Amino acid sequence: MSDVFSHARSFVLTHARLLERRLFEVHFANASPAAAAQAVRAYRNPDGGLGHALEPDLRCPESQPLFVEVGLAALRESGCRDQELALSVCPFLESVSDERGLVPPLLDTARRSPHAPHWSQSPLDPDLNPTAGICGLLHYQGIHHPWLSRATETCCSMLTMDPPLEAHTLLGAARLADHLPDRTLAKRLFDAVASALPRARFFIPEASVPGYGLTPLHFAPGPSSAWRALFSEEQIDDHLRDLMDRQQPDGGWPISWDTPGPAALLEWRGRWTLDAICRLAAYGRI
């Protein structure tokens, strides 16, 4: 066991929330993928959505579309297919969507509780982000729902006609391309993302990483990813080296934005530490 991994393990076990600890067990201790689903289910609300600060910078208990994306992403990360849970979020999503099926990242309820400063400026309009990512993650679950069909059609049309030049939205589009049942359309989405990504805001193609942003490792977290072909060996190697260098003396990785408080700070650092060691392990660096 490398020092990088052992120190990161200690940080996760000491500081991270239960969800990331369960995901750690799935990745590195041969735990059942259902362990992640058990943790995600704890965030459910009676309206079918997910709440309770599942995205650590938003401390509200109310359901938010962004929380749904985070929860579904945890299921996908663990390799868990839980169709009952996936279907149960669709009525909530439909209830907050527009006529096209698009959902906003947040509802106005999110701002009534403590939240990170950057969320005060976030628009509350229905958008491709997070709708495209949510659709992709629901398709991974293999479910069918009228809202999902409508939202998927809208997202595919918008993404192929005019790909957005924003990295978070393109990451959601990548999730949709990964899991869309129509593989011919998925190839068109792949090409749209590939053409837009080099020019996208918040995308950091070259190491080192000066601040907040998404890197090639967010799109290709392992060598088997379909998105790995978009990046050179040098890009991947430099980002892996930069990622390794950013481990802190306490074993965790830092974040580069202000959080609502110390709990959110540690929860995010737990998430980023898990991401870091998963990527380093996938590429054989630890």
Protein backbone atom coordinates (compact mmCIF):
# COMPACT_ATOMS: atom_id res chain seq x y z
CA MET A 1 0.00 0.00 0.00
CA SER A 2 1.54 3.31 -1.08
CA ASP A 3 1.92 6.19 1.34
CA VAL A 4 -0.32 8.28 -0.92
CA PHE A 5 -3.12 5.74 -0.66
CA SER A 6 -2.71 4.94 3.05
CA HIS A 7 -2.73 8.62 4.03
CA ALA A 8 -5.77 9.24 1.81
CA ARG A 9 -7.54 6.24 3.36
CA SER A 10 -6.95 7.66 6.82
CA PHE A 11 -8.35 11.02 5.71
CA VAL A 12 -11.49 9.45 4.24
CA LEU A 13 -12.13 7.31 7.32
CA THR A 14 -11.49 10.24 9.65
CA HIS A 15 -13.18 13.14 7.84
CA ALA A 16 -15.48 12.03 5.00
CA ARG A 17 -19.23 11.51 5.31
CA LEU A 18 -20.86 8.09 5.19
CA LEU A 19 -21.62 8.19 1.45
CA GLU A 20 -17.97 8.61 0.48
CA ARG A 21 -16.87 6.03 3.04
CA ARG A 22 -19.26 3.50 1.54
CA LEU A 23 -18.06 4.34 -1.96
CA PHE A 24 -14.48 3.92 -0.75
CA GLU A 25 -15.41 0.43 0.47
CA VAL A 26 -16.92 -0.40 -2.92
CA HIS A 27 -13.82 0.81 -4.77
CA PHE A 28 -11.13 -0.57 -2.50
CA ALA A 29 -12.58 -3.11 -0.03
CA ASN A 30 -14.75 -5.27 -2.29
CA ALA A 31 -18.00 -4.06 -0.70
CA SER A 32 -21.30 -4.64 -2.44
CA PRO A 33 -22.45 -1.82 -4.76
CA ALA A 34 -25.71 -1.87 -2.81
CA ALA A 35 -23.80 -0.17 0.01
CA ALA A 36 -23.84 3.06 -2.00
CA ALA A 37 -27.57 2.78 -2.67
CA GLN A 38 -28.24 2.37 1.04
CA ALA A 39 -26.40 5.62 1.71
CA VAL A 40 -28.18 7.49 -1.11
CA ARG A 41 -31.59 6.32 0.13
CA ALA A 42 -30.99 8.15 3.40
CA TYR A 43 -31.31 11.44 1.49
CA ARG A 44 -34.81 10.72 0.13
CA ASN A 45 -37.75 13.03 0.77
CA PRO A 46 -41.49 12.27 0.66
CA ASP A 47 -41.78 14.12 -2.70
CA GLY A 48 -39.53 11.50 -4.30
CA GLY A 49 -36.52 13.79 -4.62
CA LEU A 50 -33.23 13.83 -2.76
CA GLY A 51 -32.32 16.52 -0.22
CA HIS A 52 -30.40 17.06 3.01
CA ALA A 53 -27.22 18.66 1.63
CA LEU A 54 -26.39 15.82 -0.72
CA GLU A 55 -24.37 18.48 -2.56
CA PRO A 56 -22.41 19.75 0.46
CA ASP A 57 -22.45 23.45 -0.50
CA LEU A 58 -26.26 23.55 -0.22
CA ARG A 59 -27.37 22.79 3.33
CA CYS A 60 -31.11 22.70 2.64
CA PRO A 61 -33.25 19.66 3.52
CA GLU A 62 -35.58 20.18 0.55
CA SER A 63 -35.25 18.17 -2.66
CA GLN A 64 -33.20 19.73 -5.47
CA PRO A 65 -32.57 18.49 -9.02
CA LEU A 66 -28.84 18.86 -8.44
CA PHE A 67 -29.08 16.52 -5.45
CA VAL A 68 -30.77 13.95 -7.69
CA GLU A 69 -27.83 14.11 -10.08
CA VAL A 70 -25.35 13.67 -7.23
CA GLY A 71 -27.23 10.67 -5.87
CA LEU A 72 -27.58 9.00 -9.25
CA ALA A 73 -23.90 9.63 -9.94
CA ALA A 74 -23.03 7.78 -6.73
CA LEU A 75 -25.07 4.80 -7.91
CA ARG A 76 -23.30 4.85 -11.27
CA GLU A 77 -19.89 5.19 -9.63
CA SER A 78 -20.53 2.12 -7.51
CA GLY A 79 -21.95 0.12 -10.41
CA CYS A 80 -25.28 -0.20 -8.63
CA ARG A 81 -28.51 -0.46 -10.59
CA ASP A 82 -31.48 0.38 -8.37
CA GLN A 83 -34.47 0.83 -10.66
CA GLU A 84 -36.92 1.44 -7.82
CA LEU A 85 -34.86 4.37 -6.55
CA ALA A 86 -34.28 5.68 -10.07
CA LEU A 87 -37.98 5.56 -10.97
CA SER A 88 -38.95 7.19 -7.70
CA VAL A 89 -37.14 10.46 -8.54
CA CYS A 90 -38.90 10.94 -11.89
CA PRO A 91 -42.21 12.35 -10.56
CA PHE A 92 -40.26 14.95 -8.59
CA LEU A 93 -38.22 15.89 -11.64
CA GLU A 94 -41.33 16.10 -13.80
CA SER A 95 -43.00 18.36 -11.22
CA VAL A 96 -40.19 20.94 -11.42
CA SER A 97 -39.54 20.71 -15.17
CA ASP A 98 -40.65 23.05 -17.94
CA GLU A 99 -42.69 21.98 -20.97
CA ARG A 100 -39.51 20.71 -22.67
CA GLY A 101 -38.57 18.51 -19.73
CA LEU A 102 -35.64 20.65 -18.60
CA VAL A 103 -35.08 21.07 -14.86
CA PRO A 104 -33.16 23.81 -13.03
CA PRO A 105 -30.16 22.93 -10.89
CA LEU A 106 -31.82 24.46 -7.83
CA LEU A 107 -35.23 25.56 -6.65
CA ASP A 108 -35.67 28.77 -4.68
CA THR A 109 -35.92 26.69 -1.50
CA ALA A 110 -32.18 26.03 -1.74
CA ARG A 111 -31.33 29.65 -0.92
CA ARG A 112 -33.38 29.71 2.28
CA SER A 113 -30.75 27.61 4.03
CA PRO A 114 -27.00 28.20 4.39
CA HIS A 115 -25.19 27.84 1.08
CA ALA A 116 -21.85 28.61 -0.52
CA PRO A 117 -21.46 32.13 -1.95
CA HIS A 118 -21.27 30.96 -5.56
CA TRP A 119 -24.76 29.47 -5.33
CA SER A 120 -26.23 32.90 -4.57
CA GLN A 121 -25.43 33.88 -8.16
CA SER A 122 -26.57 30.68 -9.82
CA PRO A 123 -29.61 31.02 -12.12
CA LEU A 124 -32.72 29.06 -11.25
CA ASP A 125 -33.86 28.58 -14.86
CA PRO A 126 -34.40 25.12 -16.39
CA ASP A 127 -31.26 24.19 -18.29
CA LEU A 128 -29.23 21.46 -19.93
CA ASN A 129 -27.21 21.42 -16.71
CA PRO A 130 -28.18 19.30 -14.80
CA THR A 131 -30.89 17.79 -17.05
CA ALA A 132 -28.55 16.08 -19.52
CA GLY A 133 -26.49 14.43 -16.80
CA ILE A 134 -29.58 13.28 -14.93
CA CYS A 135 -31.00 11.76 -18.11
CA GLY A 136 -27.77 9.90 -18.79
CA LEU A 137 -27.63 8.51 -15.27
CA LEU A 138 -31.27 7.40 -15.43
CA HIS A 139 -30.61 5.66 -18.75
CA TYR A 140 -27.75 3.83 -17.02
CA GLN A 141 -30.38 2.51 -14.62
CA GLY A 142 -32.36 1.14 -17.57
CA ILE A 143 -35.67 2.75 -16.67
CA HIS A 144 -38.46 4.23 -18.80
CA HIS A 145 -40.59 7.23 -17.86
CA PRO A 146 -42.48 9.84 -19.92
CA TRP A 147 -40.52 12.71 -18.39
CA LEU A 148 -37.22 10.96 -19.15
CA SER A 149 -38.18 10.45 -22.80
CA ARG A 150 -39.20 14.09 -23.24
CA ALA A 151 -36.16 15.49 -21.44
CA THR A 152 -33.78 13.21 -23.35
CA GLU A 153 -35.19 14.30 -26.69
CA THR A 154 -34.83 17.96 -25.74
CA CYS A 155 -31.26 17.55 -24.48
CA CYS A 156 -30.11 15.63 -27.54
CA SER A 157 -31.62 18.21 -29.88
CA MET A 158 -30.04 21.16 -28.05
CA LEU A 159 -26.65 19.53 -27.64
CA THR A 160 -26.26 18.46 -31.25
CA MET A 161 -27.58 21.72 -32.72
CA ASP A 162 -25.60 24.13 -30.54
CA PRO A 163 -23.18 22.50 -28.05
CA PRO A 164 -22.69 24.74 -24.99
CA LEU A 165 -19.22 26.09 -24.27
CA GLU A 166 -19.34 25.30 -20.56
CA ALA A 167 -17.51 22.35 -19.04
CA HIS A 168 -20.04 21.27 -16.40
CA THR A 169 -22.81 21.12 -19.00
CA LEU A 170 -20.54 19.16 -21.33
CA LEU A 171 -19.76 16.70 -18.54
CA GLY A 172 -23.49 16.09 -18.20
CA ALA A 173 -23.69 15.66 -21.97
CA ALA A 174 -20.86 13.13 -21.75
CA ARG A 175 -22.88 11.13 -19.20
CA LEU A 176 -25.83 11.18 -21.57
CA ALA A 177 -23.66 10.04 -24.49
CA ASP A 178 -22.23 7.21 -22.36
CA HIS A 179 -25.62 5.70 -21.53
CA LEU A 180 -28.06 6.75 -24.26
CA PRO A 181 -29.73 3.62 -25.69
CA ASP A 182 -29.62 5.04 -29.23
CA ARG A 183 -25.91 4.54 -29.94
CA THR A 184 -26.02 6.35 -33.29
CA LEU A 185 -27.33 9.45 -31.56
CA ALA A 186 -24.82 8.89 -28.76
CA LYS A 187 -22.01 9.13 -31.33
CA ARG A 188 -23.37 12.48 -32.49
CA LEU A 189 -23.37 13.67 -28.88
CA PHE A 190 -19.81 12.43 -28.44
CA ASP A 191 -18.70 14.42 -31.47
CA ALA A 192 -20.54 17.53 -30.26
CA VAL A 193 -18.87 17.38 -26.85
CA ALA A 194 -15.46 16.68 -28.40
CA SER A 195 -15.74 19.74 -30.65
CA ALA A 196 -16.89 22.11 -27.89
CA LEU A 197 -14.75 20.99 -24.94
CA PRO A 198 -11.42 22.63 -25.88
CA ARG A 199 -13.14 26.05 -25.94
CA ALA A 200 -15.37 25.55 -22.90
CA ARG A 201 -15.38 27.75 -19.81
CA PHE A 202 -14.13 26.00 -16.66
CA PHE A 203 -12.19 23.43 -18.69
CA ILE A 204 -8.47 23.23 -17.84
CA PRO A 205 -6.83 21.20 -20.61
CA GLU A 206 -3.23 21.55 -19.41
CA ALA A 207 -1.65 21.03 -15.98
CA SER A 208 -0.96 22.52 -13.57
CA VAL A 209 -4.42 23.40 -12.30
CA PRO A 210 -4.43 27.04 -11.13
CA GLY A 211 -7.83 26.97 -9.41
CA TYR A 212 -11.32 25.59 -9.81
CA GLY A 213 -12.19 23.84 -13.05
CA LEU A 214 -12.67 20.50 -14.76
CA THR A 215 -9.71 18.69 -16.25
CA PRO A 216 -9.31 15.78 -18.68
CA LEU A 217 -9.42 13.49 -15.64
CA HIS A 218 -13.04 14.50 -14.97
CA PHE A 219 -14.00 13.34 -18.46
CA ALA A 220 -11.67 10.32 -18.57
CA PRO A 221 -11.27 9.17 -14.94
CA GLY A 222 -9.68 5.95 -16.15
CA PRO A 223 -7.93 4.62 -19.27
CA SER A 224 -10.97 2.58 -20.32
CA SER A 225 -13.18 5.68 -20.66
CA ALA A 226 -14.42 6.42 -24.17
CA TRP A 227 -13.37 10.03 -23.58
CA ARG A 228 -9.71 9.09 -23.05
CA ALA A 229 -9.16 9.33 -26.81
CA LEU A 230 -9.72 13.09 -26.69
CA PHE A 231 -6.55 13.72 -24.70
CA SER A 232 -2.87 13.19 -25.34
CA GLU A 233 -0.59 11.02 -23.21
CA GLU A 234 1.18 14.18 -22.11
CA GLN A 235 -2.04 15.82 -20.98
CA ILE A 236 -3.07 12.81 -18.90
CA ASP A 237 0.41 12.27 -17.44
CA ASP A 238 0.80 15.93 -16.49
CA HIS A 239 -2.60 16.04 -14.82
CA LEU A 240 -1.92 12.83 -12.90
CA ARG A 241 1.39 14.24 -11.70
CA ASP A 242 -0.26 17.51 -10.72
CA LEU A 243 -3.03 15.64 -8.92
CA MET A 244 -0.53 13.58 -6.95
CA ASP A 245 1.39 16.70 -5.95
CA ARG A 246 -1.71 18.35 -4.48
CA GLN A 247 -2.23 15.83 -1.67
CA GLN A 248 -2.07 17.67 1.65
CA PRO A 249 -0.09 16.64 4.76
CA ASP A 250 -3.32 15.40 6.39
CA GLY A 251 -3.76 12.92 3.53
CA GLY A 252 -6.66 14.69 1.85
CA TRP A 253 -6.96 16.87 -1.22
CA PRO A 254 -7.85 20.57 -1.05
CA ILE A 255 -10.73 22.44 -2.64
CA SER A 256 -10.48 25.94 -4.10
CA TRP A 257 -13.75 27.67 -3.16
CA ASP A 258 -15.53 28.97 -0.06
CA THR A 259 -18.01 26.62 1.60
CA PRO A 260 -20.90 27.42 3.96
CA GLY A 261 -19.00 26.03 6.94
CA PRO A 262 -16.55 23.44 8.25
CA ALA A 263 -18.86 20.46 7.70
CA ALA A 264 -19.22 21.26 4.00
CA LEU A 265 -15.48 21.82 3.71
CA LEU A 266 -14.66 18.37 5.08
CA GLU A 267 -17.44 16.71 3.08
CA TRP A 268 -16.12 18.21 -0.15
CA ARG A 269 -12.55 17.34 0.72
CA GLY A 270 -13.68 13.78 1.37
CA ARG A 271 -15.31 13.70 -2.07
CA TRP A 272 -12.26 15.16 -3.83
CA THR A 273 -9.92 12.81 -1.97
CA LEU A 274 -11.94 9.82 -3.08
CA ASP A 275 -11.96 11.13 -6.66
CA ALA A 276 -8.20 11.66 -6.56
CA ILE A 277 -7.25 8.19 -5.38
CA CYS A 278 -9.76 6.54 -7.73
CA ARG A 279 -8.19 8.32 -10.71
CA LEU A 280 -4.64 7.68 -9.58
CA ALA A 281 -5.44 4.00 -9.00
CA ALA A 282 -7.23 3.64 -12.34
CA TYR A 283 -4.16 4.91 -14.17
CA GLY A 284 -1.81 2.75 -12.08
CA ARG A 285 -0.13 5.57 -10.19
CA ILE A 286 -0.87 4.21 -6.72
